[in-house]
Amino acid sequence: MKGGILEVFLESAKGIRHTNLIGKPKYYVIVECGIQQNKSKLSKGDHHKVFWNEKFNFELSKSECQKLTHLRLRIMDKELFANDTGFVGEAKIYVEEILDEGNEKGVIELTPKPYNVVLDDETYKGDIRIGLKFISNAIIKEEGRGISAMEKSNDDTIWNKLMEICKMSWWRFSIYGRKLNTSEYKRI
């Protein structure tokens, strides 16, 4: 099936809101392109300058290329002691003209540039740097499209890590820590 591939390069952010009261923030971004979405890895850096340097590919059919108006990038902060996350801000990037020009030329690429991060109260705080590339007339596969399964990262919480340590210790104690009686010595 013919369509197009929209590559989104998530570079960095700076000056965004710091939502943690204590501890170093760990930011990630949810990139939404129509009905498809991807989740970035956790950031490196602090809230003054955050780095991801990650690329996402979105396969779009011809009809999706015509209907798509914008990308939505939601910046989230992973909380240290909770499974929920804090909303930091979002950015919308309008891509209609990029898709139209890419369909005419075959390929169009925009180097990363800053986009304003909008908060809940419609004010701006910081910016996020995004690069875009659109390749038209690409062969895309129909299966496996739609909303990507976002990885559950509940294993990163302190409580879950502590439980894993306890399970490992109990297992080691029950298997390796028991003493052998004299009849078991003879079998070895």
C-alpha atoms as a PDB file:
ATOM      1  CA  MET A   1       0.000   0.000   0.000  1.00  0.00           C
ATOM      2  CA  LYS A   2       1.342   3.436  -0.929  1.00  0.00           C
ATOM      3  CA  GLY A   3       1.438   6.257   1.581  1.00  0.00           C
ATOM      4  CA  GLY A   4       3.967   8.372   3.370  1.00  0.00           C
ATOM      5  CA  ILE A   5       6.322   8.201   6.324  1.00  0.00           C
ATOM      6  CA  LEU A   6       6.502  11.085   8.763  1.00  0.00           C
ATOM      7  CA  GLU A   7       9.691  11.046  10.837  1.00  0.00           C
ATOM      8  CA  VAL A   8       9.601  13.065  14.048  1.00  0.00           C
ATOM      9  CA  PHE A   9      12.958  13.810  15.651  1.00  0.00           C
ATOM     10  CA  LEU A  10      12.517  14.644  19.340  1.00  0.00           C
ATOM     11  CA  GLU A  11      15.708  16.499  20.227  1.00  0.00           C
ATOM     12  CA  SER A  12      15.457  18.467  23.486  1.00  0.00           C
ATOM     13  CA  ALA A  13      13.543  20.923  25.643  1.00  0.00           C
ATOM     14  CA  LYS A  14      14.621  23.831  27.764  1.00  0.00           C
ATOM     15  CA  GLY A  15      13.053  26.082  30.364  1.00  0.00           C
ATOM     16  CA  ILE A  16      10.082  23.762  30.945  1.00  0.00           C
ATOM     17  CA  ARG A  17       8.143  23.579  34.194  1.00  0.00           C
ATOM     18  CA  HIS A  18       9.669  21.615  37.090  1.00  0.00           C
ATOM     19  CA  THR A  19       6.790  19.696  38.723  1.00  0.00           C
ATOM     20  CA  ASN A  20       8.677  17.685  41.377  1.00  0.00           C
ATOM     21  CA  LEU A  21       8.939  19.125  44.876  1.00  0.00           C
ATOM     22  CA  ILE A  22      11.969  16.975  45.638  1.00  0.00           C
ATOM     23  CA  GLY A  23      14.285  14.973  43.446  1.00  0.00           C
ATOM     24  CA  LYS A  24      15.476  15.285  39.886  1.00  0.00           C
ATOM     25  CA  PRO A  25      12.693  15.238  37.270  1.00  0.00           C
ATOM     26  CA  LYS A  26      12.537  12.497  34.634  1.00  0.00           C
ATOM     27  CA  TYR A  27      10.607  13.695  31.616  1.00  0.00           C
ATOM     28  CA  TYR A  28       9.161  11.727  28.715  1.00  0.00           C
ATOM     29  CA  VAL A  29       7.063  12.764  25.733  1.00  0.00           C
ATOM     30  CA  ILE A  30       3.960  11.181  24.216  1.00  0.00           C
ATOM     31  CA  VAL A  31       3.957  11.940  20.483  1.00  0.00           C
ATOM     32  CA  GLU A  32       0.505  11.688  18.876  1.00  0.00           C
ATOM     33  CA  CYS A  33       0.109  11.596  15.103  1.00  0.00           C
ATOM     34  CA  GLY A  34      -3.566  11.064  14.220  1.00  0.00           C
ATOM     35  CA  ILE A  35      -4.573   7.811  15.925  1.00  0.00           C
ATOM     36  CA  GLN A  36      -0.971   6.627  16.326  1.00  0.00           C
ATOM     37  CA  GLN A  37       1.111   7.443  19.361  1.00  0.00           C
ATOM     38  CA  ASN A  38       4.571   6.685  20.702  1.00  0.00           C
ATOM     39  CA  LYS A  39       6.207   7.228  24.061  1.00  0.00           C
ATOM     40  CA  SER A  40       9.789   8.449  24.332  1.00  0.00           C
ATOM     41  CA  LYS A  41      12.422   7.182  26.718  1.00  0.00           C
ATOM     42  CA  LEU A  42      13.069   9.034  29.979  1.00  0.00           C
ATOM     43  CA  SER A  43      15.088  12.209  29.583  1.00  0.00           C
ATOM     44  CA  LYS A  44      18.670  13.006  30.411  1.00  0.00           C
ATOM     45  CA  GLY A  45      19.558  16.340  31.979  1.00  0.00           C
ATOM     46  CA  ASP A  46      17.695  18.625  34.345  1.00  0.00           C
ATOM     47  CA  HIS A  47      14.630  20.805  33.845  1.00  0.00           C
ATOM     48  CA  HIS A  48      16.731  23.673  32.466  1.00  0.00           C
ATOM     49  CA  LYS A  49      17.940  21.565  29.503  1.00  0.00           C
ATOM     50  CA  VAL A  50      16.438  18.130  28.789  1.00  0.00           C
ATOM     51  CA  PHE A  51      17.678  15.731  26.070  1.00  0.00           C
ATOM     52  CA  TRP A  52      15.964  12.805  24.335  1.00  0.00           C
ATOM     53  CA  ASN A  53      17.546  12.573  20.848  1.00  0.00           C
ATOM     54  CA  GLU A  54      15.001  10.028  19.693  1.00  0.00           C
ATOM     55  CA  LYS A  55      13.295   9.466  16.319  1.00  0.00           C
ATOM     56  CA  PHE A  56       9.761   8.159  15.695  1.00  0.00           C
ATOM     57  CA  ASN A  57       8.358   6.975  12.369  1.00  0.00           C
ATOM     58  CA  PHE A  58       4.651   7.235  11.608  1.00  0.00           C
ATOM     59  CA  GLU A  59       3.329   5.393   8.553  1.00  0.00           C
ATOM     60  CA  LEU A  60       0.435   7.282   6.983  1.00  0.00           C
ATOM     61  CA  SER A  61      -1.918   6.193   4.216  1.00  0.00           C
ATOM     62  CA  LYS A  62      -2.836   8.655   1.449  1.00  0.00           C
ATOM     63  CA  SER A  63      -6.131   9.493   3.177  1.00  0.00           C
ATOM     64  CA  GLU A  64      -4.379  10.003   6.538  1.00  0.00           C
ATOM     65  CA  CYS A  65      -1.918  12.381   4.858  1.00  0.00           C
ATOM     66  CA  GLN A  66      -4.838  14.445   3.593  1.00  0.00           C
ATOM     67  CA  LYS A  67      -6.697  14.477   6.942  1.00  0.00           C
ATOM     68  CA  LEU A  68      -3.776  15.008   9.329  1.00  0.00           C
ATOM     69  CA  THR A  69      -3.555  18.591  10.561  1.00  0.00           C
ATOM     70  CA  HIS A  70      -1.154  18.521  13.505  1.00  0.00           C
ATOM     71  CA  LEU A  71       1.116  16.539  15.798  1.00  0.00           C
ATOM     72  CA  ARG A  72       0.577  16.729  19.531  1.00  0.00           C
ATOM     73  CA  LEU A  73       3.493  16.324  21.918  1.00  0.00           C
ATOM     74  CA  ARG A  74       2.645  15.980  25.623  1.00  0.00           C
ATOM     75  CA  ILE A  75       5.554  16.361  28.032  1.00  0.00           C
ATOM     76  CA  MET A  76       5.091  14.284  31.180  1.00  0.00           C
ATOM     77  CA  ASP A  77       7.126  13.934  34.373  1.00  0.00           C
ATOM     78  CA  LYS A  78       7.562  10.498  35.943  1.00  0.00           C
ATOM     79  CA  GLU A  79       6.914  10.743  39.672  1.00  0.00           C
ATOM     80  CA  LEU A  80       9.374   9.063  42.039  1.00  0.00           C
ATOM     81  CA  PHE A  81       7.019   7.519  44.601  1.00  0.00           C
ATOM     82  CA  ALA A  82       3.836   7.120  42.564  1.00  0.00           C
ATOM     83  CA  ASN A  83       2.683   5.219  39.512  1.00  0.00           C
ATOM     84  CA  ASP A  84       0.949   8.280  38.092  1.00  0.00           C
ATOM     85  CA  THR A  85       2.710  10.978  36.131  1.00  0.00           C
ATOM     86  CA  GLY A  86       2.569  14.736  36.151  1.00  0.00           C
ATOM     87  CA  PHE A  87       1.563  16.794  33.127  1.00  0.00           C
ATOM     88  CA  VAL A  88       4.246  19.368  32.319  1.00  0.00           C
ATOM     89  CA  GLY A  89       2.941  20.908  29.087  1.00  0.00           C
ATOM     90  CA  GLU A  90       2.214  20.245  25.437  1.00  0.00           C
ATOM     91  CA  ALA A  91       3.078  21.512  21.990  1.00  0.00           C
ATOM     92  CA  LYS A  92       1.104  21.293  18.741  1.00  0.00           C
ATOM     93  CA  ILE A  93       2.909  21.293  15.436  1.00  0.00           C
ATOM     94  CA  TYR A  94       0.783  21.963  12.366  1.00  0.00           C
ATOM     95  CA  VAL A  95       1.957  19.709   9.521  1.00  0.00           C
ATOM     96  CA  GLU A  96      -0.554  20.274   6.684  1.00  0.00           C
ATOM     97  CA  GLU A  97       1.837  22.409   4.630  1.00  0.00           C
ATOM     98  CA  ILE A  98       4.756  20.048   5.270  1.00  0.00           C
ATOM     99  CA  LEU A  99       2.728  17.056   4.046  1.00  0.00           C
ATOM    100  CA  ASP A 100       1.489  18.953   0.976  1.00  0.00           C
ATOM    101  CA  GLU A 101       4.978  20.111  -0.005  1.00  0.00           C
ATOM    102  CA  GLY A 102       6.403  16.652   0.715  1.00  0.00           C
ATOM    103  CA  ASN A 103       3.831  15.089  -1.609  1.00  0.00           C
ATOM    104  CA  GLU A 104       4.857  17.522  -4.369  1.00  0.00           C
ATOM    105  CA  LYS A 105       8.635  17.176  -3.954  1.00  0.00           C
ATOM    106  CA  GLY A 106       8.829  13.566  -2.777  1.00  0.00           C
ATOM    107  CA  VAL A 107      10.834  14.371   0.379  1.00  0.00           C
ATOM    108  CA  ILE A 108      10.965  17.343   2.699  1.00  0.00           C
ATOM    109  CA  GLU A 109      13.104  17.714   5.797  1.00  0.00           C
ATOM    110  CA  LEU A 110      13.017  20.431   8.465  1.00  0.00           C
ATOM    111  CA  THR A 111      15.920  20.787  10.882  1.00  0.00           C
ATOM    112  CA  PRO A 112      15.003  20.863  14.585  1.00  0.00           C
ATOM    113  CA  LYS A 113      13.514  24.135  15.731  1.00  0.00           C
ATOM    114  CA  PRO A 114      11.853  25.247  18.980  1.00  0.00           C
ATOM    115  CA  TYR A 115       8.097  25.127  19.558  1.00  0.00           C
ATOM    116  CA  ASN A 116       6.392  26.738  22.567  1.00  0.00           C
ATOM    117  CA  VAL A 117       5.274  24.498  25.432  1.00  0.00           C
ATOM    118  CA  VAL A 118       1.726  25.392  26.523  1.00  0.00           C
ATOM    119  CA  LEU A 119       0.697  24.823  30.162  1.00  0.00           C
ATOM    120  CA  ASP A 120      -2.746  23.948  31.561  1.00  0.00           C
ATOM    121  CA  ASP A 121      -3.646  27.630  31.992  1.00  0.00           C
ATOM    122  CA  GLU A 122      -2.838  28.418  28.314  1.00  0.00           C
ATOM    123  CA  THR A 123       0.418  30.230  29.176  1.00  0.00           C
ATOM    124  CA  TYR A 124       3.841  29.380  27.741  1.00  0.00           C
ATOM    125  CA  LYS A 125       6.797  27.999  29.691  1.00  0.00           C
ATOM    126  CA  GLY A 126       9.862  26.852  27.777  1.00  0.00           C
ATOM    127  CA  ASP A 127      10.194  25.213  24.400  1.00  0.00           C
ATOM    128  CA  ILE A 128      10.716  21.810  22.825  1.00  0.00           C
ATOM    129  CA  ARG A 129      12.947  21.255  19.766  1.00  0.00           C
ATOM    130  CA  ILE A 130      11.494  19.042  17.049  1.00  0.00           C
ATOM    131  CA  GLY A 131      12.743  18.110  13.579  1.00  0.00           C
ATOM    132  CA  LEU A 132      10.478  16.690  10.872  1.00  0.00           C
ATOM    133  CA  LYS A 133      10.967  14.699   7.681  1.00  0.00           C
ATOM    134  CA  PHE A 134       8.240  13.514   5.328  1.00  0.00           C
ATOM    135  CA  ILE A 135       8.793  10.892   2.617  1.00  0.00           C
ATOM    136  CA  SER A 136       5.907  10.486   0.165  1.00  0.00           C
ATOM    137  CA  ASN A 137       5.077   7.524  -2.077  1.00  0.00           C
ATOM    138  CA  ALA A 138       6.562   5.070   0.404  1.00  0.00           C
ATOM    139  CA  ILE A 139       5.283   1.517   0.672  1.00  0.00           C
ATOM    140  CA  ILE A 140       3.684   1.011   4.070  1.00  0.00           C
ATOM    141  CA  LYS A 141       2.289  -2.097   5.675  1.00  0.00           C
ATOM    142  CA  GLU A 142      -1.356  -2.052   6.736  1.00  0.00           C
ATOM    143  CA  GLU A 143      -1.113  -4.430   9.704  1.00  0.00           C
ATOM    144  CA  GLY A 144       0.210  -3.322  13.065  1.00  0.00           C
ATOM    145  CA  ARG A 145      -0.901   0.298  12.686  1.00  0.00           C
ATOM    146  CA  GLY A 146      -2.964   2.302  15.100  1.00  0.00           C
ATOM    147  CA  ILE A 147      -2.175   3.148  18.666  1.00  0.00           C
ATOM    148  CA  SER A 148       1.141   1.678  19.723  1.00  0.00           C
ATOM    149  CA  ALA A 149       1.208  -0.226  22.952  1.00  0.00           C
ATOM    150  CA  MET A 150       2.779   2.118  25.446  1.00  0.00           C
ATOM    151  CA  GLU A 151       5.158   0.288  27.685  1.00  0.00           C
ATOM    152  CA  LYS A 152       4.207  -0.033  31.297  1.00  0.00           C
ATOM    153  CA  SER A 153       7.066   1.233  33.372  1.00  0.00           C
ATOM    154  CA  ASN A 154       5.714   0.316  36.791  1.00  0.00           C
ATOM    155  CA  ASP A 155       8.838  -1.763  37.369  1.00  0.00           C
ATOM    156  CA  ASP A 156      10.802   1.452  37.922  1.00  0.00           C
ATOM    157  CA  THR A 157       9.072   2.363  41.186  1.00  0.00           C
ATOM    158  CA  ILE A 158      10.963   1.932  44.431  1.00  0.00           C
ATOM    159  CA  TRP A 159       8.244  -0.303  45.887  1.00  0.00           C
ATOM    160  CA  ASN A 160       8.465  -2.771  42.974  1.00  0.00           C
ATOM    161  CA  LYS A 161      12.274  -2.828  43.134  1.00  0.00           C
ATOM    162  CA  LEU A 162      12.114  -3.525  46.883  1.00  0.00           C
ATOM    163  CA  MET A 163       9.631  -6.353  46.287  1.00  0.00           C
ATOM    164  CA  GLU A 164      11.927  -7.882  43.657  1.00  0.00           C
ATOM    165  CA  ILE A 165      14.845  -7.803  46.101  1.00  0.00           C
ATOM    166  CA  CYS A 166      12.705  -9.474  48.770  1.00  0.00           C
ATOM    167  CA  LYS A 167      11.572 -12.171  46.320  1.00  0.00           C
ATOM    168  CA  MET A 168      15.152 -12.837  45.256  1.00  0.00           C
ATOM    169  CA  SER A 169      16.357 -13.015  48.863  1.00  0.00           C
ATOM    170  CA  TRP A 170      13.546 -15.371  49.867  1.00  0.00           C
ATOM    171  CA  TRP A 171      14.225 -17.607  46.865  1.00  0.00           C
ATOM    172  CA  ARG A 172      17.938 -17.763  47.626  1.00  0.00           C
ATOM    173  CA  PHE A 173      17.234 -18.461  51.273  1.00  0.00           C
ATOM    174  CA  SER A 174      14.754 -21.253  50.519  1.00  0.00           C
ATOM    175  CA  ILE A 175      16.948 -22.996  47.910  1.00  0.00           C
ATOM    176  CA  TYR A 176      20.550 -22.315  48.799  1.00  0.00           C
ATOM    177  CA  GLY A 177      20.320 -21.393  52.445  1.00  0.00           C
ATOM    178  CA  ARG A 178      18.969 -24.663  53.816  1.00  0.00           C
ATOM    179  CA  LYS A 179      21.267 -27.096  55.554  1.00  0.00           C
ATOM    180  CA  LEU A 180      21.753 -30.606  54.292  1.00  0.00           C
ATOM    181  CA  ASN A 181      21.171 -33.507  56.673  1.00  0.00           C
ATOM    182  CA  THR A 182      23.470 -36.518  56.795  1.00  0.00           C
ATOM    183  CA  SER A 183      21.413 -38.650  54.357  1.00  0.00           C
ATOM    184  CA  GLU A 184      21.719 -35.915  51.682  1.00  0.00           C
ATOM    185  CA  TYR A 185      25.516 -35.811  52.127  1.00  0.00           C
ATOM    186  CA  LYS A 186      25.730 -39.456  51.082  1.00  0.00           C
ATOM    187  CA  ARG A 187      23.867 -38.803  47.792  1.00  0.00           C
ATOM    188  CA  ILE A 188      26.285 -36.045  46.785  1.00  0.00           C
END
